[in-house]
Amino acid sequence: MAEAHHDDHGNTPAAWFLTLSWIVVWSVSGAAIIFFGQGLLLWTVLGLGASVVCAIIAGAMKKAGMGRKQPRQAPMTRAQWEALQAKRGGSAERDEAAETESNESVAVGAE
């Protein structure tokens, strides 16, 4: 269910803003905790609050058209991949056999 609601930002201005802003926010919070000492809870709460604000801004940027324009392409299912491999000449079986043989030789060499 969570997967259905997940929205991938992709390589977009909204995604870059969110990534870079969180790096800055948590770097500043971490540096403040290290250098100023006693404000662990204060700087953690400030960092969390700033992260939420940045996420809201990134969401607004996405709604304004700076997010992903097309849905992300779903990966192939195993059945689709196997059908593609069969169409290419059955290399899936050869790859699987080679991998099994390789794993057996590694196991023999380890003894």
PDB file of N, CA and C in Angstrom:
ATOM      1  N   MET A   1       0.817  -1.192   0.000  1.00  0.00           N
ATOM      2  CA  MET A   1       0.000   0.000   0.000  1.00  0.00           C
ATOM      3  C   MET A   1       0.864   1.262   0.000  1.00  0.00           C
ATOM      4  N   ALA A   2       1.927   1.235   0.778  1.00  0.00           N
ATOM      5  CA  ALA A   2       2.807   2.404   0.823  1.00  0.00           C
ATOM      6  C   ALA A   2       3.462   2.654  -0.527  1.00  0.00           C
ATOM      7  N   GLU A   3       3.770   1.583  -1.261  1.00  0.00           N
ATOM      8  CA  GLU A   3       4.383   1.719  -2.577  1.00  0.00           C
ATOM      9  C   GLU A   3       3.484   2.489  -3.535  1.00  0.00           C
ATOM     10  N   ALA A   4       2.177   2.295  -3.428  1.00  0.00           N
ATOM     11  CA  ALA A   4       1.243   2.957  -4.338  1.00  0.00           C
ATOM     12  C   ALA A   4       1.232   4.466  -4.129  1.00  0.00           C
ATOM     13  N   HIS A   5       1.530   4.905  -2.918  1.00  0.00           N
ATOM     14  CA  HIS A   5       1.483   6.333  -2.617  1.00  0.00           C
ATOM     15  C   HIS A   5       2.844   7.003  -2.716  1.00  0.00           C
ATOM     16  N   HIS A   6       3.896   6.208  -2.901  1.00  0.00           N
ATOM     17  CA  HIS A   6       5.230   6.781  -2.994  1.00  0.00           C
ATOM     18  C   HIS A   6       5.378   7.501  -4.327  1.00  0.00           C
ATOM     19  N   ASP A   7       5.859   8.727  -4.270  1.00  0.00           N
ATOM     20  CA  ASP A   7       6.060   9.507  -5.487  1.00  0.00           C
ATOM     21  C   ASP A   7       7.540   9.784  -5.637  1.00  0.00           C
ATOM     22  N   ASP A   8       8.144   9.265  -6.670  1.00  0.00           N
ATOM     23  CA  ASP A   8       9.563   9.428  -6.913  1.00  0.00           C
ATOM     24  C   ASP A   8       9.799  10.786  -7.571  1.00  0.00           C
ATOM     25  N   HIS A   9      10.615  11.621  -6.954  1.00  0.00           N
ATOM     26  CA  HIS A   9      10.897  12.937  -7.523  1.00  0.00           C
ATOM     27  C   HIS A   9      11.797  12.834  -8.755  1.00  0.00           C
ATOM     28  N   GLY A  10      12.728  11.893  -8.760  1.00  0.00           N
ATOM     29  CA  GLY A  10      13.637  11.748  -9.888  1.00  0.00           C
ATOM     30  C   GLY A  10      14.715  12.821  -9.885  1.00  0.00           C
ATOM     31  N   ASN A  11      15.355  13.016 -10.999  1.00  0.00           N
ATOM     32  CA  ASN A  11      16.428  13.995 -11.144  1.00  0.00           C
ATOM     33  C   ASN A  11      15.802  15.329 -11.549  1.00  0.00           C
ATOM     34  N   THR A  12      15.211  16.010 -10.581  1.00  0.00           N
ATOM     35  CA  THR A  12      14.469  17.240 -10.842  1.00  0.00           C
ATOM     36  C   THR A  12      14.931  18.333  -9.884  1.00  0.00           C
ATOM     37  N   PRO A  13      14.606  19.584 -10.171  1.00  0.00           N
ATOM     38  CA  PRO A  13      14.965  20.664  -9.245  1.00  0.00           C
ATOM     39  C   PRO A  13      14.389  20.456  -7.841  1.00  0.00           C
ATOM     40  N   ALA A  14      13.176  19.942  -7.742  1.00  0.00           N
ATOM     41  CA  ALA A  14      12.573  19.706  -6.422  1.00  0.00           C
ATOM     42  C   ALA A  14      13.378  18.671  -5.643  1.00  0.00           C
ATOM     43  N   ALA A  15      13.796  17.613  -6.318  1.00  0.00           N
ATOM     44  CA  ALA A  15      14.569  16.565  -5.651  1.00  0.00           C
ATOM     45  C   ALA A  15      15.943  17.077  -5.229  1.00  0.00           C
ATOM     46  N   TRP A  16      16.586  17.835  -6.105  1.00  0.00           N
ATOM     47  CA  TRP A  16      17.895  18.377  -5.759  1.00  0.00           C
ATOM     48  C   TRP A  16      17.792  19.379  -4.619  1.00  0.00           C
ATOM     49  N   PHE A  17      16.766  20.196  -4.624  1.00  0.00           N
ATOM     50  CA  PHE A  17      16.574  21.133  -3.518  1.00  0.00           C
ATOM     51  C   PHE A  17      16.428  20.378  -2.207  1.00  0.00           C
ATOM     52  N   LEU A  18      15.588  19.354  -2.211  1.00  0.00           N
ATOM     53  CA  LEU A  18      15.350  18.598  -0.987  1.00  0.00           C
ATOM     54  C   LEU A  18      16.634  17.924  -0.504  1.00  0.00           C
ATOM     55  N   THR A  19      17.361  17.295  -1.401  1.00  0.00           N
ATOM     56  CA  THR A  19      18.598  16.606  -1.022  1.00  0.00           C
ATOM     57  C   THR A  19      19.628  17.579  -0.465  1.00  0.00           C
ATOM     58  N   LEU A  20      19.878  18.657  -1.193  1.00  0.00           N
ATOM     59  CA  LEU A  20      20.904  19.613  -0.755  1.00  0.00           C
ATOM     60  C   LEU A  20      20.489  20.358   0.509  1.00  0.00           C
ATOM     61  N   SER A  21      19.209  20.696   0.630  1.00  0.00           N
ATOM     62  CA  SER A  21      18.771  21.411   1.830  1.00  0.00           C
ATOM     63  C   SER A  21      18.889  20.524   3.060  1.00  0.00           C
ATOM     64  N   TRP A  22      18.576  19.238   2.944  1.00  0.00           N
ATOM     65  CA  TRP A  22      18.716  18.347   4.096  1.00  0.00           C
ATOM     66  C   TRP A  22      20.179  18.139   4.464  1.00  0.00           C
ATOM     67  N   ILE A  23      21.052  18.086   3.469  1.00  0.00           N
ATOM     68  CA  ILE A  23      22.485  17.978   3.758  1.00  0.00           C
ATOM     69  C   ILE A  23      22.940  19.197   4.544  1.00  0.00           C
ATOM     70  N   VAL A  24      22.531  20.376   4.107  1.00  0.00           N
ATOM     71  CA  VAL A  24      22.927  21.608   4.791  1.00  0.00           C
ATOM     72  C   VAL A  24      22.329  21.664   6.187  1.00  0.00           C
ATOM     73  N   VAL A  25      21.035  21.388   6.301  1.00  0.00           N
ATOM     74  CA  VAL A  25      20.354  21.481   7.596  1.00  0.00           C
ATOM     75  C   VAL A  25      20.998  20.550   8.622  1.00  0.00           C
ATOM     76  N   TRP A  26      21.213  19.290   8.249  1.00  0.00           N
ATOM     77  CA  TRP A  26      21.749  18.345   9.219  1.00  0.00           C
ATOM     78  C   TRP A  26      23.242  18.543   9.450  1.00  0.00           C
ATOM     79  N   SER A  27      23.944  19.086   8.467  1.00  0.00           N
ATOM     80  CA  SER A  27      25.358  19.426   8.694  1.00  0.00           C
ATOM     81  C   SER A  27      25.477  20.568   9.688  1.00  0.00           C
ATOM     82  N   VAL A  28      24.639  21.582   9.538  1.00  0.00           N
ATOM     83  CA  VAL A  28      24.652  22.714  10.474  1.00  0.00           C
ATOM     84  C   VAL A  28      24.241  22.242  11.864  1.00  0.00           C
ATOM     85  N   SER A  29      23.208  21.429  11.947  1.00  0.00           N
ATOM     86  CA  SER A  29      22.768  20.916  13.248  1.00  0.00           C
ATOM     87  C   SER A  29      23.852  20.076  13.907  1.00  0.00           C
ATOM     88  N   GLY A  30      24.477  19.207  13.148  1.00  0.00           N
ATOM     89  CA  GLY A  30      25.543  18.373  13.688  1.00  0.00           C
ATOM     90  C   GLY A  30      26.739  19.199  14.132  1.00  0.00           C
ATOM     91  N   ALA A  31      27.135  20.180  13.314  1.00  0.00           N
ATOM     92  CA  ALA A  31      28.258  21.040  13.688  1.00  0.00           C
ATOM     93  C   ALA A  31      27.935  21.837  14.944  1.00  0.00           C
ATOM     94  N   ALA A  32      26.706  22.315  15.068  1.00  0.00           N
ATOM     95  CA  ALA A  32      26.315  23.072  16.263  1.00  0.00           C
ATOM     96  C   ALA A  32      26.363  22.186  17.504  1.00  0.00           C
ATOM     97  N   ILE A  33      25.929  20.957  17.376  1.00  0.00           N
ATOM     98  CA  ILE A  33      25.979  20.028  18.518  1.00  0.00           C
ATOM     99  C   ILE A  33      27.435  19.766  18.913  1.00  0.00           C
ATOM    100  N   ILE A  34      28.291  19.565  17.915  1.00  0.00           N
ATOM    101  CA  ILE A  34      29.696  19.266  18.208  1.00  0.00           C
ATOM    102  C   ILE A  34      30.410  20.484  18.797  1.00  0.00           C
ATOM    103  N   PHE A  35      30.232  21.650  18.184  1.00  0.00           N
ATOM    104  CA  PHE A  35      31.006  22.818  18.598  1.00  0.00           C
ATOM    105  C   PHE A  35      30.416  23.573  19.778  1.00  0.00           C
ATOM    106  N   PHE A  36      29.085  23.570  19.907  1.00  0.00           N
ATOM    107  CA  PHE A  36      28.472  24.314  20.996  1.00  0.00           C
ATOM    108  C   PHE A  36      28.088  23.418  22.162  1.00  0.00           C
ATOM    109  N   GLY A  37      28.234  22.121  21.966  1.00  0.00           N
ATOM    110  CA  GLY A  37      28.058  21.204  23.078  1.00  0.00           C
ATOM    111  C   GLY A  37      26.641  20.968  23.530  1.00  0.00           C
ATOM    112  N   GLN A  38      26.185  21.617  24.509  1.00  0.00           N
ATOM    113  CA  GLN A  38      25.055  21.227  25.322  1.00  0.00           C
ATOM    114  C   GLN A  38      23.688  21.318  24.667  1.00  0.00           C
ATOM    115  N   GLY A  39      23.587  21.659  23.431  1.00  0.00           N
ATOM    116  CA  GLY A  39      22.286  21.836  22.799  1.00  0.00           C
ATOM    117  C   GLY A  39      21.836  20.659  21.960  1.00  0.00           C
ATOM    118  N   LEU A  40      22.106  19.424  22.375  1.00  0.00           N
ATOM    119  CA  LEU A  40      21.754  18.253  21.579  1.00  0.00           C
ATOM    120  C   LEU A  40      20.272  18.226  21.244  1.00  0.00           C
ATOM    121  N   LEU A  41      19.432  18.323  22.243  1.00  0.00           N
ATOM    122  CA  LEU A  41      17.997  18.268  21.994  1.00  0.00           C
ATOM    123  C   LEU A  41      17.533  19.485  21.188  1.00  0.00           C
ATOM    124  N   LEU A  42      18.030  20.655  21.523  1.00  0.00           N
ATOM    125  CA  LEU A  42      17.647  21.881  20.817  1.00  0.00           C
ATOM    126  C   LEU A  42      17.996  21.796  19.336  1.00  0.00           C
ATOM    127  N   TRP A  43      19.235  21.423  19.017  1.00  0.00           N
ATOM    128  CA  TRP A  43      19.662  21.395  17.621  1.00  0.00           C
ATOM    129  C   TRP A  43      19.032  20.242  16.844  1.00  0.00           C
ATOM    130  N   THR A  44      18.712  19.157  17.540  1.00  0.00           N
ATOM    131  CA  THR A  44      18.014  18.058  16.877  1.00  0.00           C
ATOM    132  C   THR A  44      16.599  18.485  16.498  1.00  0.00           C
ATOM    133  N   VAL A  45      15.916  19.154  17.412  1.00  0.00           N
ATOM    134  CA  VAL A  45      14.560  19.638  17.132  1.00  0.00           C
ATOM    135  C   VAL A  45      14.589  20.702  16.038  1.00  0.00           C
ATOM    136  N   LEU A  46      15.559  21.606  16.091  1.00  0.00           N
ATOM    137  CA  LEU A  46      15.678  22.622  15.035  1.00  0.00           C
ATOM    138  C   LEU A  46      15.964  21.974  13.679  1.00  0.00           C
ATOM    139  N   GLY A  47      16.842  20.986  13.655  1.00  0.00           N
ATOM    140  CA  GLY A  47      17.140  20.279  12.406  1.00  0.00           C
ATOM    141  C   GLY A  47      15.918  19.563  11.862  1.00  0.00           C
ATOM    142  N   LEU A  48      15.163  18.914  12.738  1.00  0.00           N
ATOM    143  CA  LEU A  48      13.955  18.224  12.314  1.00  0.00           C
ATOM    144  C   LEU A  48      12.919  19.207  11.779  1.00  0.00           C
ATOM    145  N   GLY A  49      12.734  20.323  12.482  1.00  0.00           N
ATOM    146  CA  GLY A  49      11.781  21.344  12.023  1.00  0.00           C
ATOM    147  C   GLY A  49      12.177  21.923  10.674  1.00  0.00           C
ATOM    148  N   ALA A  50      13.480  22.214  10.512  1.00  0.00           N
ATOM    149  CA  ALA A  50      13.953  22.758   9.235  1.00  0.00           C
ATOM    150  C   ALA A  50      13.808  21.720   8.119  1.00  0.00           C
ATOM    151  N   SER A  51      14.005  20.439   8.429  1.00  0.00           N
ATOM    152  CA  SER A  51      13.830  19.381   7.431  1.00  0.00           C
ATOM    153  C   SER A  51      12.386  19.299   6.959  1.00  0.00           C
ATOM    154  N   VAL A  52      11.452  19.438   7.890  1.00  0.00           N
ATOM    155  CA  VAL A  52      10.034  19.403   7.533  1.00  0.00           C
ATOM    156  C   VAL A  52       9.681  20.594   6.654  1.00  0.00           C
ATOM    157  N   VAL A  53      10.192  21.766   7.005  1.00  0.00           N
ATOM    158  CA  VAL A  53       9.934  22.964   6.197  1.00  0.00           C
ATOM    159  C   VAL A  53      10.504  22.786   4.786  1.00  0.00           C
ATOM    160  N   CYS A  54      11.708  22.237   4.688  1.00  0.00           N
ATOM    161  CA  CYS A  54      12.314  22.008   3.367  1.00  0.00           C
ATOM    162  C   CYS A  54      11.511  20.986   2.560  1.00  0.00           C
ATOM    163  N   ALA A  55      10.976  19.966   3.228  1.00  0.00           N
ATOM    164  CA  ALA A  55      10.158  18.973   2.526  1.00  0.00           C
ATOM    165  C   ALA A  55       8.875  19.613   2.009  1.00  0.00           C
ATOM    166  N   ILE A  56       8.293  20.506   2.781  1.00  0.00           N
ATOM    167  CA  ILE A  56       7.084  21.207   2.334  1.00  0.00           C
ATOM    168  C   ILE A  56       7.396  22.092   1.130  1.00  0.00           C
ATOM    169  N   ILE A  57       8.532  22.767   1.180  1.00  0.00           N
ATOM    170  CA  ILE A  57       8.941  23.617   0.046  1.00  0.00           C
ATOM    171  C   ILE A  57       9.176  22.761  -1.198  1.00  0.00           C
ATOM    172  N   ALA A  58       9.848  21.608  -1.033  1.00  0.00           N
ATOM    173  CA  ALA A  58      10.087  20.717  -2.181  1.00  0.00           C
ATOM    174  C   ALA A  58       8.769  20.195  -2.748  1.00  0.00           C
ATOM    175  N   GLY A  59       7.801  19.917  -1.876  1.00  0.00           N
ATOM    176  CA  GLY A  59       6.487  19.487  -2.353  1.00  0.00           C
ATOM    177  C   GLY A  59       5.797  20.576  -3.149  1.00  0.00           C
ATOM    178  N   ALA A  60       5.933  21.824  -2.679  1.00  0.00           N
ATOM    179  CA  ALA A  60       5.353  22.951  -3.414  1.00  0.00           C
ATOM    180  C   ALA A  60       6.050  23.133  -4.760  1.00  0.00           C
ATOM    181  N   MET A  61       7.361  22.934  -4.774  1.00  0.00           N
ATOM    182  CA  MET A  61       8.099  23.030  -6.038  1.00  0.00           C
ATOM    183  C   MET A  61       7.611  21.965  -7.020  1.00  0.00           C
ATOM    184  N   LYS A  62       7.365  20.759  -6.507  1.00  0.00           N
ATOM    185  CA  LYS A  62       6.882  19.672  -7.352  1.00  0.00           C
ATOM    186  C   LYS A  62       5.507  20.005  -7.921  1.00  0.00           C
ATOM    187  N   LYS A  63       4.640  20.545  -7.091  1.00  0.00           N
ATOM    188  CA  LYS A  63       3.300  20.935  -7.554  1.00  0.00           C
ATOM    189  C   LYS A  63       3.378  22.068  -8.579  1.00  0.00           C
ATOM    190  N   ALA A  64       4.414  22.908  -8.463  1.00  0.00           N
ATOM    191  CA  ALA A  64       4.576  24.023  -9.386  1.00  0.00           C
ATOM    192  C   ALA A  64       5.189  23.595 -10.718  1.00  0.00           C
ATOM    193  N   GLY A  65       5.456  22.300 -10.868  1.00  0.00           N
ATOM    194  CA  GLY A  65       5.965  21.806 -12.148  1.00  0.00           C
ATOM    195  C   GLY A  65       7.445  21.521 -12.168  1.00  0.00           C
ATOM    196  N   MET A  66       8.104  21.565 -11.018  1.00  0.00           N
ATOM    197  CA  MET A  66       9.538  21.293 -10.981  1.00  0.00           C
ATOM    198  C   MET A  66       9.847  19.876 -10.519  1.00  0.00           C
ATOM    199  N   GLY A  67       8.851  18.997 -10.573  1.00  0.00           N
ATOM    200  CA  GLY A  67       9.031  17.597 -10.194  1.00  0.00           C
ATOM    201  C   GLY A  67       8.998  16.707 -11.418  1.00  0.00           C
ATOM    202  N   ARG A  68       8.844  15.432 -11.181  1.00  0.00           N
ATOM    203  CA  ARG A  68       8.794  14.453 -12.269  1.00  0.00           C
ATOM    204  C   ARG A  68       7.556  14.699 -13.118  1.00  0.00           C
ATOM    205  N   LYS A  69       7.734  14.712 -14.439  1.00  0.00           N
ATOM    206  CA  LYS A  69       6.632  14.986 -15.359  1.00  0.00           C
ATOM    207  C   LYS A  69       5.905  13.706 -15.791  1.00  0.00           C
ATOM    208  N   GLN A  70       6.634  12.595 -15.828  1.00  0.00           N
ATOM    209  CA  GLN A  70       6.049  11.320 -16.248  1.00  0.00           C
ATOM    210  C   GLN A  70       6.265  10.301 -15.133  1.00  0.00           C
ATOM    211  N   PRO A  71       5.376   9.338 -15.033  1.00  0.00           N
ATOM    212  CA  PRO A  71       5.573   8.323 -13.997  1.00  0.00           C
ATOM    213  C   PRO A  71       6.835   7.502 -14.241  1.00  0.00           C
ATOM    214  N   ARG A  72       7.427   7.036 -13.154  1.00  0.00           N
ATOM    215  CA  ARG A  72       8.638   6.233 -13.245  1.00  0.00           C
ATOM    216  C   ARG A  72       8.303   4.895 -13.892  1.00  0.00           C
ATOM    217  N   GLN A  73       9.179   4.414 -14.749  1.00  0.00           N
ATOM    218  CA  GLN A  73       8.969   3.143 -15.421  1.00  0.00           C
ATOM    219  C   GLN A  73       9.151   2.014 -14.414  1.00  0.00           C
ATOM    220  N   ALA A  74       8.201   1.098 -14.373  1.00  0.00           N
ATOM    221  CA  ALA A  74       8.265  -0.035 -13.448  1.00  0.00           C
ATOM    222  C   ALA A  74       9.265  -1.059 -13.973  1.00  0.00           C
ATOM    223  N   PRO A  75      10.008  -1.701 -13.076  1.00  0.00           N
ATOM    224  CA  PRO A  75      10.938  -2.731 -13.530  1.00  0.00           C
ATOM    225  C   PRO A  75      10.191  -3.951 -14.058  1.00  0.00           C
ATOM    226  N   MET A  76      10.885  -4.751 -14.877  1.00  0.00           N
ATOM    227  CA  MET A  76      10.279  -5.952 -15.438  1.00  0.00           C
ATOM    228  C   MET A  76      10.017  -6.977 -14.338  1.00  0.00           C
ATOM    229  N   THR A  77       8.958  -7.732 -14.517  1.00  0.00           N
ATOM    230  CA  THR A  77       8.707  -8.856 -13.623  1.00  0.00           C
ATOM    231  C   THR A  77       9.627 -10.001 -14.023  1.00  0.00           C
ATOM    232  N   ARG A  78       9.736 -10.998 -13.159  1.00  0.00           N
ATOM    233  CA  ARG A  78      10.578 -12.151 -13.480  1.00  0.00           C
ATOM    234  C   ARG A  78      10.079 -12.848 -14.742  1.00  0.00           C
ATOM    235  N   ALA A  79       8.765 -12.983 -14.888  1.00  0.00           N
ATOM    236  CA  ALA A  79       8.203 -13.648 -16.070  1.00  0.00           C
ATOM    237  C   ALA A  79       8.549 -12.880 -17.341  1.00  0.00           C
ATOM    238  N   GLN A  80       8.480 -11.543 -17.289  1.00  0.00           N
ATOM    239  CA  GLN A  80       8.832 -10.741 -18.464  1.00  0.00           C
ATOM    240  C   GLN A  80      10.318 -10.897 -18.797  1.00  0.00           C
ATOM    241  N   TRP A  81      11.158 -10.899 -17.765  1.00  0.00           N
ATOM    242  CA  TRP A  81      12.593 -11.028 -17.984  1.00  0.00           C
ATOM    243  C   TRP A  81      12.915 -12.387 -18.585  1.00  0.00           C
ATOM    244  N   GLU A  82      12.294 -13.451 -18.044  1.00  0.00           N
ATOM    245  CA  GLU A  82      12.534 -14.790 -18.580  1.00  0.00           C
ATOM    246  C   GLU A  82      12.059 -14.911 -20.022  1.00  0.00           C
ATOM    247  N   ALA A  83      10.932 -14.279 -20.356  1.00  0.00           N
ATOM    248  CA  ALA A  83      10.443 -14.305 -21.734  1.00  0.00           C
ATOM    249  C   ALA A  83      11.420 -13.577 -22.656  1.00  0.00           C
ATOM    250  N   LEU A  84      11.961 -12.460 -22.192  1.00  0.00           N
ATOM    251  CA  LEU A  84      12.943 -11.723 -22.981  1.00  0.00           C
ATOM    252  C   LEU A  84      14.204 -12.546 -23.185  1.00  0.00           C
ATOM    253  N   GLN A  85      14.655 -13.234 -22.145  1.00  0.00           N
ATOM    254  CA  GLN A  85      15.851 -14.067 -22.264  1.00  0.00           C
ATOM    255  C   GLN A  85      15.610 -15.239 -23.214  1.00  0.00           C
ATOM    256  N   ALA A  86      14.416 -15.822 -23.162  1.00  0.00           N
ATOM    257  CA  ALA A  86      14.086 -16.934 -24.057  1.00  0.00           C
ATOM    258  C   ALA A  86      14.065 -16.453 -25.507  1.00  0.00           C
ATOM    259  N   LYS A  87      13.573 -15.246 -25.714  1.00  0.00           N
ATOM    260  CA  LYS A  87      13.530 -14.679 -27.061  1.00  0.00           C
ATOM    261  C   LYS A  87      14.945 -14.428 -27.589  1.00  0.00           C
ATOM    262  N   ARG A  88      15.875 -14.090 -26.699  1.00  0.00           N
ATOM    263  CA  ARG A  88      17.253 -13.805 -27.099  1.00  0.00           C
ATOM    264  C   ARG A  88      18.072 -15.075 -27.341  1.00  0.00           C
ATOM    265  N   GLY A  89      17.529 -16.222 -27.009  1.00  0.00           N
ATOM    266  CA  GLY A  89      18.257 -17.454 -27.296  1.00  0.00           C
ATOM    267  C   GLY A  89      18.560 -18.286 -26.072  1.00  0.00           C
ATOM    268  N   GLY A  90      17.826 -18.090 -25.010  1.00  0.00           N
ATOM    269  CA  GLY A  90      17.990 -18.943 -23.844  1.00  0.00           C
ATOM    270  C   GLY A  90      19.236 -18.663 -23.036  1.00  0.00           C
ATOM    271  N   SER A  91      19.745 -17.474 -23.080  1.00  0.00           N
ATOM    272  CA  SER A  91      20.965 -17.172 -22.330  1.00  0.00           C
ATOM    273  C   SER A  91      20.716 -17.191 -20.826  1.00  0.00           C
ATOM    274  N   ALA A  92      19.475 -17.123 -20.389  1.00  0.00           N
ATOM    275  CA  ALA A  92      19.178 -17.151 -18.961  1.00  0.00           C
ATOM    276  C   ALA A  92      19.605 -18.483 -18.363  1.00  0.00           C
ATOM    277  N   GLU A  93      19.328 -19.587 -19.073  1.00  0.00           N
ATOM    278  CA  GLU A  93      19.714 -20.890 -18.560  1.00  0.00           C
ATOM    279  C   GLU A  93      21.236 -21.025 -18.536  1.00  0.00           C
ATOM    280  N   ARG A  94      21.896 -20.516 -19.583  1.00  0.00           N
ATOM    281  CA  ARG A  94      23.359 -20.586 -19.621  1.00  0.00           C
ATOM    282  C   ARG A  94      23.962 -19.750 -18.503  1.00  0.00           C
ATOM    283  N   ASP A  95      23.427 -18.552 -18.273  1.00  0.00           N
ATOM    284  CA  ASP A  95      23.942 -17.698 -17.207  1.00  0.00           C
ATOM    285  C   ASP A  95      23.762 -18.352 -15.851  1.00  0.00           C
ATOM    286  N   GLU A  96      22.597 -18.967 -15.647  1.00  0.00           N
ATOM    287  CA  GLU A  96      22.320 -19.611 -14.371  1.00  0.00           C
ATOM    288  C   GLU A  96      23.251 -20.803 -14.169  1.00  0.00           C
ATOM    289  N   ALA A  97      23.485 -21.583 -15.208  1.00  0.00           N
ATOM    290  CA  ALA A  97      24.387 -22.728 -15.112  1.00  0.00           C
ATOM    291  C   ALA A  97      25.815 -22.263 -14.848  1.00  0.00           C
ATOM    292  N   ALA A  98      26.239 -21.204 -15.505  1.00  0.00           N
ATOM    293  CA  ALA A  98      27.589 -20.679 -15.302  1.00  0.00           C
ATOM    294  C   ALA A  98      27.747 -20.151 -13.886  1.00  0.00           C
ATOM    295  N   GLU A  99      26.718 -19.509 -13.366  1.00  0.00           N
ATOM    296  CA  GLU A  99      26.788 -18.986 -12.001  1.00  0.00           C
ATOM    297  C   GLU A  99      26.872 -20.128 -10.998  1.00  0.00           C
ATOM    298  N   THR A 100      26.088 -21.173 -11.205  1.00  0.00           N
ATOM    299  CA  THR A 100      26.123 -22.331 -10.317  1.00  0.00           C
ATOM    300  C   THR A 100      27.497 -22.982 -10.359  1.00  0.00           C
ATOM    301  N   GLU A 101      28.044 -23.125 -11.565  1.00  0.00           N
ATOM    302  CA  GLU A 101      29.377 -23.717 -11.720  1.00  0.00           C
ATOM    303  C   GLU A 101      30.429 -22.851 -11.046  1.00  0.00           C
ATOM    304  N   SER A 102      30.307 -21.542 -11.194  1.00  0.00           N
ATOM    305  CA  SER A 102      31.239 -20.608 -10.579  1.00  0.00           C
ATOM    306  C   SER A 102      31.170 -20.691  -9.058  1.00  0.00           C
ATOM    307  N   ASN A 103      29.970 -20.770  -8.526  1.00  0.00           N
ATOM    308  CA  ASN A 103      29.802 -20.864  -7.073  1.00  0.00           C
ATOM    309  C   ASN A 103      30.377 -22.177  -6.547  1.00  0.00           C
ATOM    310  N   GLU A 104      30.222 -23.268  -7.299  1.00  0.00           N
ATOM    311  CA  GLU A 104      30.769 -24.557  -6.883  1.00  0.00           C
ATOM    312  C   GLU A 104      32.284 -24.526  -6.892  1.00  0.00           C
ATOM    313  N   SER A 105      32.899 -23.886  -7.875  1.00  0.00           N
ATOM    314  CA  SER A 105      34.354 -23.831  -7.936  1.00  0.00           C
ATOM    315  C   SER A 105      34.907 -22.945  -6.820  1.00  0.00           C
ATOM    316  N   VAL A 106      34.199 -21.911  -6.447  1.00  0.00           N
ATOM    317  CA  VAL A 106      34.622 -21.065  -5.340  1.00  0.00           C
ATOM    318  C   VAL A 106      34.548 -21.853  -4.037  1.00  0.00           C
ATOM    319  N   ALA A 107      33.473 -22.646  -3.874  1.00  0.00           N
ATOM    320  CA  ALA A 107      33.321 -23.440  -2.668  1.00  0.00           C
ATOM    321  C   ALA A 107      34.403 -24.504  -2.575  1.00  0.00           C
ATOM    322  N   VAL A 108      34.786 -25.125  -3.695  1.00  0.00           N
ATOM    323  CA  VAL A 108      35.830 -26.138  -3.709  1.00  0.00           C
ATOM    324  C   VAL A 108      37.174 -25.497  -3.400  1.00  0.00           C
ATOM    325  N   GLY A 109      37.421 -24.319  -3.951  1.00  0.00           N
ATOM    326  CA  GLY A 109      38.671 -23.617  -3.713  1.00  0.00           C
ATOM    327  C   GLY A 109      38.826 -23.146  -2.283  1.00  0.00           C
ATOM    328  N   ALA A 110      37.714 -22.933  -1.606  1.00  0.00           N
ATOM    329  CA  ALA A 110      37.767 -22.435  -0.230  1.00  0.00           C
ATOM    330  C   ALA A 110      38.103 -23.548   0.749  1.00  0.00           C
ATOM    331  N   GLU A 111      37.921 -24.809   0.344  1.00  0.00           N
ATOM    332  CA  GLU A 111      38.183 -25.936   1.255  1.00  0.00           C
ATOM    333  C   GLU A 111      39.601 -26.219   1.377  1.00  0.00           C
TER     334      GLU A 111
END
